[in-house]
Amino acid sequence: MPKKPMDAAAFDEIAQKFRALGEPLRLRILQRLLDGEQSVGALAQSLESSSANISKHVSVLSDAGFVTRRKEGTTVLCRVADPLVPKLCELMCERVVHEAERNLARARQRFG
């Protein structure tokens, strides 16, 4: 059965999700959160950033549905919310490795 074409609103939502992933620090945050729930403070320390900056990026990831946040006292804890995030990261990492291997093979052919 052919797929029904998506409407403009669906494309806008997809673009918003890609924009949320378009910042390297947000990808690093997701990578850390794949290991389990972490506080904004712990993320800031491990990623060598400020808590305010991490909080801003976590907010974008949360708005896109990739992570959730919860408060425990004065601590904000974050975790991956979308079960597809690990697969999405794996697919893109595999793609980058494949491209790097292909580029290396081309360089070896050109320069011996």
PDB file of N, CA and C in Angstrom:
ATOM      1  N   MET A   1       0.846  -1.181   0.000  1.00  0.00           N
ATOM      2  CA  MET A   1       0.000   0.000   0.000  1.00  0.00           C
ATOM      3  C   MET A   1       0.891   1.244   0.000  1.00  0.00           C
ATOM      4  N   PRO A   2       0.650   2.187  -0.918  1.00  0.00           N
ATOM      5  CA  PRO A   2       1.472   3.401  -0.977  1.00  0.00           C
ATOM      6  C   PRO A   2       1.287   4.248   0.273  1.00  0.00           C
ATOM      7  N   LYS A   3       2.369   4.926   0.662  1.00  0.00           N
ATOM      8  CA  LYS A   3       2.293   5.797   1.831  1.00  0.00           C
ATOM      9  C   LYS A   3       1.564   7.080   1.466  1.00  0.00           C
ATOM     10  N   LYS A   4       0.795   7.560   2.418  1.00  0.00           N
ATOM     11  CA  LYS A   4       0.083   8.820   2.234  1.00  0.00           C
ATOM     12  C   LYS A   4       1.086   9.966   2.368  1.00  0.00           C
ATOM     13  N   PRO A   5       1.059  10.935   1.449  1.00  0.00           N
ATOM     14  CA  PRO A   5       1.978  12.071   1.551  1.00  0.00           C
ATOM     15  C   PRO A   5       1.767  12.825   2.860  1.00  0.00           C
ATOM     16  N   MET A   6       2.856  13.311   3.443  1.00  0.00           N
ATOM     17  CA  MET A   6       2.753  14.083   4.678  1.00  0.00           C
ATOM     18  C   MET A   6       2.377  15.523   4.354  1.00  0.00           C
ATOM     19  N   ASP A   7       1.708  16.132   5.317  1.00  0.00           N
ATOM     20  CA  ASP A   7       1.342  17.533   5.126  1.00  0.00           C
ATOM     21  C   ASP A   7       2.466  18.444   5.633  1.00  0.00           C
ATOM     22  N   ALA A   8       2.309  19.722   5.399  1.00  0.00           N
ATOM     23  CA  ALA A   8       3.339  20.693   5.752  1.00  0.00           C
ATOM     24  C   ALA A   8       3.634  20.692   7.249  1.00  0.00           C
ATOM     25  N   ALA A   9       2.633  20.504   8.078  1.00  0.00           N
ATOM     26  CA  ALA A   9       2.838  20.498   9.524  1.00  0.00           C
ATOM     27  C   ALA A   9       3.735  19.340   9.947  1.00  0.00           C
ATOM     28  N   ALA A  10       3.565  18.195   9.316  1.00  0.00           N
ATOM     29  CA  ALA A  10       4.419  17.045   9.635  1.00  0.00           C
ATOM     30  C   ALA A  10       5.866  17.325   9.254  1.00  0.00           C
ATOM     31  N   PHE A  11       6.077  17.939   8.101  1.00  0.00           N
ATOM     32  CA  PHE A  11       7.437  18.291   7.694  1.00  0.00           C
ATOM     33  C   PHE A  11       8.049  19.324   8.637  1.00  0.00           C
ATOM     34  N   ASP A  12       7.236  20.264   9.116  1.00  0.00           N
ATOM     35  CA  ASP A  12       7.726  21.252  10.083  1.00  0.00           C
ATOM     36  C   ASP A  12       8.183  20.567  11.368  1.00  0.00           C
ATOM     37  N   GLU A  13       7.422  19.586  11.829  1.00  0.00           N
ATOM     38  CA  GLU A  13       7.776  18.857  13.051  1.00  0.00           C
ATOM     39  C   GLU A  13       9.068  18.055  12.865  1.00  0.00           C
ATOM     40  N   ILE A  14       9.201  17.424  11.722  1.00  0.00           N
ATOM     41  CA  ILE A  14      10.427  16.664  11.431  1.00  0.00           C
ATOM     42  C   ILE A  14      11.626  17.603  11.375  1.00  0.00           C
ATOM     43  N   ALA A  15      11.464  18.743  10.731  1.00  0.00           N
ATOM     44  CA  ALA A  15      12.555  19.716  10.642  1.00  0.00           C
ATOM     45  C   ALA A  15      12.956  20.221  12.027  1.00  0.00           C
ATOM     46  N   GLN A  16      11.983  20.412  12.913  1.00  0.00           N
ATOM     47  CA  GLN A  16      12.286  20.845  14.272  1.00  0.00           C
ATOM     48  C   GLN A  16      13.150  19.804  14.983  1.00  0.00           C
ATOM     49  N   LYS A  17      12.848  18.543  14.789  1.00  0.00           N
ATOM     50  CA  LYS A  17      13.639  17.484  15.415  1.00  0.00           C
ATOM     51  C   LYS A  17      15.069  17.468  14.864  1.00  0.00           C
ATOM     52  N   PHE A  18      15.216  17.634  13.567  1.00  0.00           N
ATOM     53  CA  PHE A  18      16.560  17.682  12.988  1.00  0.00           C
ATOM     54  C   PHE A  18      17.325  18.917  13.476  1.00  0.00           C
ATOM     55  N   ARG A  19      16.640  20.054  13.611  1.00  0.00           N
ATOM     56  CA  ARG A  19      17.302  21.247  14.127  1.00  0.00           C
ATOM     57  C   ARG A  19      17.807  21.009  15.551  1.00  0.00           C
ATOM     58  N   ALA A  20      17.020  20.304  16.348  1.00  0.00           N
ATOM     59  CA  ALA A  20      17.427  20.013  17.726  1.00  0.00           C
ATOM     60  C   ALA A  20      18.692  19.170  17.755  1.00  0.00           C
ATOM     61  N   LEU A  21      18.899  18.352  16.741  1.00  0.00           N
ATOM     62  CA  LEU A  21      20.091  17.503  16.675  1.00  0.00           C
ATOM     63  C   LEU A  21      21.244  18.178  15.944  1.00  0.00           C
ATOM     64  N   GLY A  22      21.033  19.385  15.473  1.00  0.00           N
ATOM     65  CA  GLY A  22      22.022  20.078  14.657  1.00  0.00           C
ATOM     66  C   GLY A  22      23.097  20.809  15.444  1.00  0.00           C
ATOM     67  N   GLU A  23      23.138  20.642  16.738  1.00  0.00           N
ATOM     68  CA  GLU A  23      24.130  21.309  17.581  1.00  0.00           C
ATOM     69  C   GLU A  23      25.016  20.242  18.226  1.00  0.00           C
ATOM     70  N   PRO A  24      26.325  20.309  18.014  1.00  0.00           N
ATOM     71  CA  PRO A  24      27.217  19.267  18.556  1.00  0.00           C
ATOM     72  C   PRO A  24      27.093  19.033  20.063  1.00  0.00           C
ATOM     73  N   LEU A  25      26.899  20.093  20.846  1.00  0.00           N
ATOM     74  CA  LEU A  25      26.782  19.898  22.287  1.00  0.00           C
ATOM     75  C   LEU A  25      25.534  19.088  22.627  1.00  0.00           C
ATOM     76  N   ARG A  26      24.470  19.271  21.888  1.00  0.00           N
ATOM     77  CA  ARG A  26      23.254  18.486  22.146  1.00  0.00           C
ATOM     78  C   ARG A  26      23.494  17.013  21.845  1.00  0.00           C
ATOM     79  N   LEU A  27      24.261  16.732  20.819  1.00  0.00           N
ATOM     80  CA  LEU A  27      24.598  15.334  20.513  1.00  0.00           C
ATOM     81  C   LEU A  27      25.466  14.742  21.621  1.00  0.00           C
ATOM     82  N   ARG A  28      26.372  15.544  22.158  1.00  0.00           N
ATOM     83  CA  ARG A  28      27.206  15.073  23.262  1.00  0.00           C
ATOM     84  C   ARG A  28      26.364  14.822  24.508  1.00  0.00           C
ATOM     85  N   ILE A  29      25.362  15.668  24.740  1.00  0.00           N
ATOM     86  CA  ILE A  29      24.443  15.467  25.868  1.00  0.00           C
ATOM     87  C   ILE A  29      23.707  14.149  25.689  1.00  0.00           C
ATOM     88  N   LEU A  30      23.172  13.921  24.498  1.00  0.00           N
ATOM     89  CA  LEU A  30      22.472  12.661  24.242  1.00  0.00           C
ATOM     90  C   LEU A  30      23.386  11.465  24.456  1.00  0.00           C
ATOM     91  N   GLN A  31      24.624  11.581  23.991  1.00  0.00           N
ATOM     92  CA  GLN A  31      25.574  10.482  24.172  1.00  0.00           C
ATOM     93  C   GLN A  31      25.749  10.165  25.656  1.00  0.00           C
ATOM     94  N   ARG A  32      25.892  11.194  26.482  1.00  0.00           N
ATOM     95  CA  ARG A  32      26.046  10.973  27.926  1.00  0.00           C
ATOM     96  C   ARG A  32      24.784  10.343  28.519  1.00  0.00           C
ATOM     97  N   LEU A  33      23.631  10.803  28.054  1.00  0.00           N
ATOM     98  CA  LEU A  33      22.368  10.308  28.612  1.00  0.00           C
ATOM     99  C   LEU A  33      22.053   8.884  28.173  1.00  0.00           C
ATOM    100  N   LEU A  34      22.701   8.409  27.120  1.00  0.00           N
ATOM    101  CA  LEU A  34      22.508   7.016  26.727  1.00  0.00           C
ATOM    102  C   LEU A  34      23.025   6.061  27.805  1.00  0.00           C
ATOM    103  N   ASP A  35      23.916   6.565  28.670  1.00  0.00           N
ATOM    104  CA  ASP A  35      24.431   5.765  29.790  1.00  0.00           C
ATOM    105  C   ASP A  35      23.480   5.763  30.976  1.00  0.00           C
ATOM    106  N   GLY A  36      22.459   6.599  30.934  1.00  0.00           N
ATOM    107  CA  GLY A  36      21.481   6.661  32.024  1.00  0.00           C
ATOM    108  C   GLY A  36      21.212   8.086  32.458  1.00  0.00           C
ATOM    109  N   GLU A  37      20.264   8.221  33.342  1.00  0.00           N
ATOM    110  CA  GLU A  37      19.840   9.523  33.842  1.00  0.00           C
ATOM    111  C   GLU A  37      21.003  10.253  34.514  1.00  0.00           C
ATOM    112  N   GLN A  38      21.090  11.564  34.250  1.00  0.00           N
ATOM    113  CA  GLN A  38      22.139  12.388  34.842  1.00  0.00           C
ATOM    114  C   GLN A  38      21.577  13.760  35.181  1.00  0.00           C
ATOM    115  N   SER A  39      22.192  14.385  36.146  1.00  0.00           N
ATOM    116  CA  SER A  39      21.784  15.746  36.510  1.00  0.00           C
ATOM    117  C   SER A  39      22.400  16.743  35.532  1.00  0.00           C
ATOM    118  N   VAL A  40      21.774  17.906  35.461  1.00  0.00           N
ATOM    119  CA  VAL A  40      22.313  18.977  34.627  1.00  0.00           C
ATOM    120  C   VAL A  40      23.714  19.331  35.098  1.00  0.00           C
ATOM    121  N   GLY A  41      23.920  19.357  36.406  1.00  0.00           N
ATOM    122  CA  GLY A  41      25.239  19.672  36.949  1.00  0.00           C
ATOM    123  C   GLY A  41      26.293  18.658  36.539  1.00  0.00           C
ATOM    124  N   ALA A  42      25.950  17.378  36.592  1.00  0.00           N
ATOM    125  CA  ALA A  42      26.903  16.335  36.187  1.00  0.00           C
ATOM    126  C   ALA A  42      27.207  16.433  34.699  1.00  0.00           C
ATOM    127  N   LEU A  43      26.187  16.711  33.900  1.00  0.00           N
ATOM    128  CA  LEU A  43      26.407  16.893  32.459  1.00  0.00           C
ATOM    129  C   LEU A  43      27.322  18.083  32.211  1.00  0.00           C
ATOM    130  N   ALA A  44      27.070  19.169  32.918  1.00  0.00           N
ATOM    131  CA  ALA A  44      27.889  20.373  32.745  1.00  0.00           C
ATOM    132  C   ALA A  44      29.349  20.078  33.080  1.00  0.00           C
ATOM    133  N   GLN A  45      29.564  19.368  34.159  1.00  0.00           N
ATOM    134  CA  GLN A  45      30.934  19.062  34.560  1.00  0.00           C
ATOM    135  C   GLN A  45      31.613  18.144  33.547  1.00  0.00           C
ATOM    136  N   SER A  46      30.942  17.077  33.148  1.00  0.00           N
ATOM    137  CA  SER A  46      31.570  16.121  32.235  1.00  0.00           C
ATOM    138  C   SER A  46      31.758  16.687  30.832  1.00  0.00           C
ATOM    139  N   LEU A  47      30.928  17.649  30.455  1.00  0.00           N
ATOM    140  CA  LEU A  47      31.020  18.242  29.118  1.00  0.00           C
ATOM    141  C   LEU A  47      31.743  19.593  29.137  1.00  0.00           C
ATOM    142  N   GLU A  48      32.252  19.959  30.301  1.00  0.00           N
ATOM    143  CA  GLU A  48      33.001  21.208  30.464  1.00  0.00           C
ATOM    144  C   GLU A  48      32.218  22.418  29.936  1.00  0.00           C
ATOM    145  N   SER A  49      31.014  22.539  30.450  1.00  0.00           N
ATOM    146  CA  SER A  49      30.133  23.641  30.078  1.00  0.00           C
ATOM    147  C   SER A  49      29.468  24.150  31.349  1.00  0.00           C
ATOM    148  N   SER A  50      28.731  25.234  31.234  1.00  0.00           N
ATOM    149  CA  SER A  50      28.008  25.752  32.398  1.00  0.00           C
ATOM    150  C   SER A  50      26.663  25.041  32.534  1.00  0.00           C
ATOM    151  N   SER A  51      26.163  25.006  33.749  1.00  0.00           N
ATOM    152  CA  SER A  51      24.845  24.402  33.980  1.00  0.00           C
ATOM    153  C   SER A  51      23.767  25.145  33.201  1.00  0.00           C
ATOM    154  N   ALA A  52      23.888  26.463  33.119  1.00  0.00           N
ATOM    155  CA  ALA A  52      22.901  27.260  32.376  1.00  0.00           C
ATOM    156  C   ALA A  52      22.899  26.876  30.900  1.00  0.00           C
ATOM    157  N   ASN A  53      24.088  26.686  30.331  1.00  0.00           N
ATOM    158  CA  ASN A  53      24.188  26.314  28.920  1.00  0.00           C
ATOM    159  C   ASN A  53      23.615  24.913  28.689  1.00  0.00           C
ATOM    160  N   ILE A  54      23.968  23.976  29.561  1.00  0.00           N
ATOM    161  CA  ILE A  54      23.446  22.611  29.432  1.00  0.00           C
ATOM    162  C   ILE A  54      21.929  22.624  29.571  1.00  0.00           C
ATOM    163  N   SER A  55      21.426  23.375  30.527  1.00  0.00           N
ATOM    164  CA  SER A  55      19.987  23.458  30.745  1.00  0.00           C
ATOM    165  C   SER A  55      19.265  23.976  29.503  1.00  0.00           C
ATOM    166  N   LYS A  56      19.860  24.979  28.858  1.00  0.00           N
ATOM    167  CA  LYS A  56      19.270  25.540  27.630  1.00  0.00           C
ATOM    168  C   LYS A  56      19.197  24.468  26.536  1.00  0.00           C
ATOM    169  N   HIS A  57      20.272  23.715  26.374  1.00  0.00           N
ATOM    170  CA  HIS A  57      20.295  22.685  25.339  1.00  0.00           C
ATOM    171  C   HIS A  57      19.381  21.512  25.680  1.00  0.00           C
ATOM    172  N   VAL A  58      19.312  21.158  26.951  1.00  0.00           N
ATOM    173  CA  VAL A  58      18.399  20.089  27.380  1.00  0.00           C
ATOM    174  C   VAL A  58      16.953  20.507  27.105  1.00  0.00           C
ATOM    175  N   SER A  59      16.668  21.785  27.275  1.00  0.00           N
ATOM    176  CA  SER A  59      15.321  22.295  26.999  1.00  0.00           C
ATOM    177  C   SER A  59      14.955  22.097  25.530  1.00  0.00           C
ATOM    178  N   VAL A  60      15.889  22.374  24.632  1.00  0.00           N
ATOM    179  CA  VAL A  60      15.644  22.176  23.198  1.00  0.00           C
ATOM    180  C   VAL A  60      15.408  20.690  22.911  1.00  0.00           C
ATOM    181  N   LEU A  61      16.239  19.835  23.493  1.00  0.00           N
ATOM    182  CA  LEU A  61      16.074  18.389  23.291  1.00  0.00           C
ATOM    183  C   LEU A  61      14.754  17.895  23.878  1.00  0.00           C
ATOM    184  N   SER A  62      14.352  18.483  24.971  1.00  0.00           N
ATOM    185  CA  SER A  62      13.075  18.129  25.594  1.00  0.00           C
ATOM    186  C   SER A  62      11.896  18.573  24.721  1.00  0.00           C
ATOM    187  N   ASP A  63      11.970  19.795  24.217  1.00  0.00           N
ATOM    188  CA  ASP A  63      10.906  20.302  23.339  1.00  0.00           C
ATOM    189  C   ASP A  63      10.744  19.424  22.098  1.00  0.00           C
ATOM    190  N   ALA A  64      11.858  18.835  21.643  1.00  0.00           N
ATOM    191  CA  ALA A  64      11.812  17.959  20.464  1.00  0.00           C
ATOM    192  C   ALA A  64      11.401  16.531  20.832  1.00  0.00           C
ATOM    193  N   GLY A  65      11.261  16.258  22.120  1.00  0.00           N
ATOM    194  CA  GLY A  65      10.807  14.938  22.554  1.00  0.00           C
ATOM    195  C   GLY A  65      11.914  13.916  22.736  1.00  0.00           C
ATOM    196  N   PHE A  66      13.169  14.348  22.656  1.00  0.00           N
ATOM    197  CA  PHE A  66      14.278  13.405  22.785  1.00  0.00           C
ATOM    198  C   PHE A  66      14.627  13.087  24.231  1.00  0.00           C
ATOM    199  N   VAL A  67      14.446  14.042  25.134  1.00  0.00           N
ATOM    200  CA  VAL A  67      14.760  13.819  26.544  1.00  0.00           C
ATOM    201  C   VAL A  67      13.611  14.317  27.426  1.00  0.00           C
ATOM    202  N   THR A  68      13.618  13.829  28.659  1.00  0.00           N
ATOM    203  CA  THR A  68      12.692  14.350  29.674  1.00  0.00           C
ATOM    204  C   THR A  68      13.524  14.852  30.843  1.00  0.00           C
ATOM    205  N   ARG A  69      12.920  15.753  31.599  1.00  0.00           N
ATOM    206  CA  ARG A  69      13.556  16.307  32.791  1.00  0.00           C
ATOM    207  C   ARG A  69      12.614  16.117  33.967  1.00  0.00           C
ATOM    208  N   ARG A  70      13.223  15.935  35.146  1.00  0.00           N
ATOM    209  CA  ARG A  70      12.426  15.905  36.372  1.00  0.00           C
ATOM    210  C   ARG A  70      13.243  16.527  37.482  1.00  0.00           C
ATOM    211  N   LYS A  71      12.543  17.137  38.413  1.00  0.00           N
ATOM    212  CA  LYS A  71      13.225  17.775  39.544  1.00  0.00           C
ATOM    213  C   LYS A  71      13.212  16.829  40.733  1.00  0.00           C
ATOM    214  N   GLU A  72      14.343  16.784  41.387  1.00  0.00           N
ATOM    215  CA  GLU A  72      14.476  16.055  42.642  1.00  0.00           C
ATOM    216  C   GLU A  72      15.120  17.033  43.613  1.00  0.00           C
ATOM    217  N   GLY A  73      14.304  17.690  44.404  1.00  0.00           N
ATOM    218  CA  GLY A  73      14.804  18.784  45.237  1.00  0.00           C
ATOM    219  C   GLY A  73      15.202  19.943  44.348  1.00  0.00           C
ATOM    220  N   THR A  74      16.448  20.357  44.451  1.00  0.00           N
ATOM    221  CA  THR A  74      16.936  21.452  43.605  1.00  0.00           C
ATOM    222  C   THR A  74      17.685  20.929  42.375  1.00  0.00           C
ATOM    223  N   THR A  75      17.749  19.622  42.239  1.00  0.00           N
ATOM    224  CA  THR A  75      18.488  19.004  41.135  1.00  0.00           C
ATOM    225  C   THR A  75      17.545  18.668  39.993  1.00  0.00           C
ATOM    226  N   VAL A  76      17.966  18.999  38.777  1.00  0.00           N
ATOM    227  CA  VAL A  76      17.209  18.631  37.580  1.00  0.00           C
ATOM    228  C   VAL A  76      17.897  17.411  36.967  1.00  0.00           C
ATOM    229  N   LEU A  77      17.140  16.328  36.860  1.00  0.00           N
ATOM    230  CA  LEU A  77      17.656  15.086  36.282  1.00  0.00           C
ATOM    231  C   LEU A  77      17.099  14.911  34.871  1.00  0.00           C
ATOM    232  N   CYS A  78      17.954  14.455  33.974  1.00  0.00           N
ATOM    233  CA  CYS A  78      17.594  14.304  32.569  1.00  0.00           C
ATOM    234  C   CYS A  78      17.801  12.850  32.152  1.00  0.00           C
ATOM    235  N   ARG A  79      16.969  12.418  31.221  1.00  0.00           N
ATOM    236  CA  ARG A  79      17.147  11.083  30.657  1.00  0.00           C
ATOM    237  C   ARG A  79      16.596  11.061  29.242  1.00  0.00           C
ATOM    238  N   VAL A  80      17.039  10.069  28.465  1.00  0.00           N
ATOM    239  CA  VAL A  80      16.529   9.904  27.107  1.00  0.00           C
ATOM    240  C   VAL A  80      15.072   9.461  27.206  1.00  0.00           C
ATOM    241  N   ALA A  81      14.209  10.116  26.451  1.00  0.00           N
ATOM    242  CA  ALA A  81      12.784   9.804  26.478  1.00  0.00           C
ATOM    243  C   ALA A  81      12.340   8.999  25.262  1.00  0.00           C
ATOM    244  N   ASP A  82      12.977   9.249  24.138  1.00  0.00           N
ATOM    245  CA  ASP A  82      12.580   8.605  22.885  1.00  0.00           C
ATOM    246  C   ASP A  82      13.384   7.322  22.712  1.00  0.00           C
ATOM    247  N   PRO A  83      12.712   6.179  22.660  1.00  0.00           N
ATOM    248  CA  PRO A  83      13.434   4.909  22.536  1.00  0.00           C
ATOM    249  C   PRO A  83      14.176   4.751  21.212  1.00  0.00           C
ATOM    250  N   LEU A  84      13.923   5.626  20.261  1.00  0.00           N
ATOM    251  CA  LEU A  84      14.627   5.551  18.985  1.00  0.00           C
ATOM    252  C   LEU A  84      15.962   6.294  18.994  1.00  0.00           C
ATOM    253  N   VAL A  85      16.241   7.076  20.043  1.00  0.00           N
ATOM    254  CA  VAL A  85      17.484   7.847  20.104  1.00  0.00           C
ATOM    255  C   VAL A  85      18.718   6.955  19.984  1.00  0.00           C
ATOM    256  N   PRO A  86      18.817   5.839  20.719  1.00  0.00           N
ATOM    257  CA  PRO A  86      20.015   4.999  20.564  1.00  0.00           C
ATOM    258  C   PRO A  86      20.208   4.503  19.129  1.00  0.00           C
ATOM    259  N   LYS A  87      19.146   4.092  18.480  1.00  0.00           N
ATOM    260  CA  LYS A  87      19.242   3.601  17.106  1.00  0.00           C
ATOM    261  C   LYS A  87      19.612   4.738  16.152  1.00  0.00           C
ATOM    262  N   LEU A  88      19.028   5.897  16.356  1.00  0.00           N
ATOM    263  CA  LEU A  88      19.340   7.057  15.525  1.00  0.00           C
ATOM    264  C   LEU A  88      20.822   7.414  15.637  1.00  0.00           C
ATOM    265  N   CYS A  89      21.339   7.426  16.858  1.00  0.00           N
ATOM    266  CA  CYS A  89      22.764   7.718  17.069  1.00  0.00           C
ATOM    267  C   CYS A  89      23.642   6.639  16.434  1.00  0.00           C
ATOM    268  N   GLU A  90      23.244   5.386  16.599  1.00  0.00           N
ATOM    269  CA  GLU A  90      24.011   4.282  16.024  1.00  0.00           C
ATOM    270  C   GLU A  90      24.051   4.373  14.498  1.00  0.00           C
ATOM    271  N   LEU A  91      22.923   4.662  13.889  1.00  0.00           N
ATOM    272  CA  LEU A  91      22.866   4.779  12.434  1.00  0.00           C
ATOM    273  C   LEU A  91      23.776   5.893  11.926  1.00  0.00           C
ATOM    274  N   MET A  92      23.733   7.042  12.577  1.00  0.00           N
ATOM    275  CA  MET A  92      24.539   8.164  12.114  1.00  0.00           C
ATOM    276  C   MET A  92      26.021   7.906  12.352  1.00  0.00           C
ATOM    277  N   CYS A  93      26.364   7.316  13.491  1.00  0.00           N
ATOM    278  CA  CYS A  93      27.774   6.996  13.759  1.00  0.00           C
ATOM    279  C   CYS A  93      28.294   5.994  12.739  1.00  0.00           C
ATOM    280  N   GLU A  94      27.492   4.986  12.413  1.00  0.00           N
ATOM    281  CA  GLU A  94      27.894   4.016  11.394  1.00  0.00           C
ATOM    282  C   GLU A  94      28.102   4.704  10.051  1.00  0.00           C
ATOM    283  N   ARG A  95      27.252   5.641   9.738  1.00  0.00           N
ATOM    284  CA  ARG A  95      27.352   6.378   8.481  1.00  0.00           C
ATOM    285  C   ARG A  95      28.647   7.180   8.426  1.00  0.00           C
ATOM    286  N   VAL A  96      28.981   7.858   9.507  1.00  0.00           N
ATOM    287  CA  VAL A  96      30.203   8.666   9.559  1.00  0.00           C
ATOM    288  C   VAL A  96      31.435   7.775   9.435  1.00  0.00           C
ATOM    289  N   VAL A  97      31.432   6.637  10.124  1.00  0.00           N
ATOM    290  CA  VAL A  97      32.559   5.702  10.034  1.00  0.00           C
ATOM    291  C   VAL A  97      32.690   5.175   8.608  1.00  0.00           C
ATOM    292  N   HIS A  98      31.582   4.827   7.999  1.00  0.00           N
ATOM    293  CA  HIS A  98      31.597   4.316   6.618  1.00  0.00           C
ATOM    294  C   HIS A  98      32.186   5.354   5.663  1.00  0.00           C
ATOM    295  N   GLU A  99      31.769   6.607   5.803  1.00  0.00           N
ATOM    296  CA  GLU A  99      32.288   7.677   4.945  1.00  0.00           C
ATOM    297  C   GLU A  99      33.777   7.889   5.179  1.00  0.00           C
ATOM    298  N   ALA A 100      34.215   7.832   6.427  1.00  0.00           N
ATOM    299  CA  ALA A 100      35.640   8.007   6.734  1.00  0.00           C
ATOM    300  C   ALA A 100      36.457   6.873   6.116  1.00  0.00           C
ATOM    301  N   GLU A 101      35.950   5.652   6.207  1.00  0.00           N
ATOM    302  CA  GLU A 101      36.649   4.508   5.608  1.00  0.00           C
ATOM    303  C   GLU A 101      36.721   4.646   4.092  1.00  0.00           C
ATOM    304  N   ARG A 102      35.648   5.092   3.495  1.00  0.00           N
ATOM    305  CA  ARG A 102      35.616   5.289   2.046  1.00  0.00           C
ATOM    306  C   ARG A 102      36.599   6.377   1.621  1.00  0.00           C
ATOM    307  N   ASN A 103      36.649   7.477   2.373  1.00  0.00           N
ATOM    308  CA  ASN A 103      37.584   8.554   2.063  1.00  0.00           C
ATOM    309  C   ASN A 103      39.027   8.109   2.234  1.00  0.00           C
ATOM    310  N   LEU A 104      39.298   7.302   3.236  1.00  0.00           N
ATOM    311  CA  LEU A 104      40.639   6.780   3.453  1.00  0.00           C
ATOM    312  C   LEU A 104      41.047   5.865   2.298  1.00  0.00           C
ATOM    313  N   ALA A 105      40.127   5.019   1.861  1.00  0.00           N
ATOM    314  CA  ALA A 105      40.424   4.124   0.737  1.00  0.00           C
ATOM    315  C   ALA A 105      40.715   4.937  -0.526  1.00  0.00           C
ATOM    316  N   ARG A 106      39.962   6.001  -0.758  1.00  0.00           N
ATOM    317  CA  ARG A 106      40.218   6.857  -1.942  1.00  0.00           C
ATOM    318  C   ARG A 106      41.582   7.526  -1.838  1.00  0.00           C
ATOM    319  N   ALA A 107      41.939   7.985  -0.649  1.00  0.00           N
ATOM    320  CA  ALA A 107      43.233   8.643  -0.462  1.00  0.00           C
ATOM    321  C   ALA A 107      44.366   7.652  -0.689  1.00  0.00           C
ATOM    322  N   ARG A 108      44.194   6.434  -0.244  1.00  0.00           N
ATOM    323  CA  ARG A 108      45.223   5.411  -0.454  1.00  0.00           C
ATOM    324  C   ARG A 108      45.394   5.101  -1.936  1.00  0.00           C
ATOM    325  N   GLN A 109      44.269   5.079  -2.669  1.00  0.00           N
ATOM    326  CA  GLN A 109      44.346   4.826  -4.116  1.00  0.00           C
ATOM    327  C   GLN A 109      45.079   5.962  -4.829  1.00  0.00           C
ATOM    328  N   ARG A 110      44.795   7.180  -4.404  1.00  0.00           N
ATOM    329  CA  ARG A 110      45.394   8.349  -5.057  1.00  0.00           C
ATOM    330  C   ARG A 110      46.863   8.500  -4.735  1.00  0.00           C
ATOM    331  N   PHE A 111      47.217   8.258  -3.482  1.00  0.00           N
ATOM    332  CA  PHE A 111      48.572   8.571  -3.044  1.00  0.00           C
ATOM    333  C   PHE A 111      49.415   7.349  -2.697  1.00  0.00           C
ATOM    334  N   GLY A 112      48.856   6.180  -2.936  1.00  0.00           N
ATOM    335  CA  GLY A 112      49.624   4.945  -2.736  1.00  0.00           C
ATOM    336  C   GLY A 112      49.783   4.637  -1.337  1.00  0.00           C
TER     337      GLY A 112
END
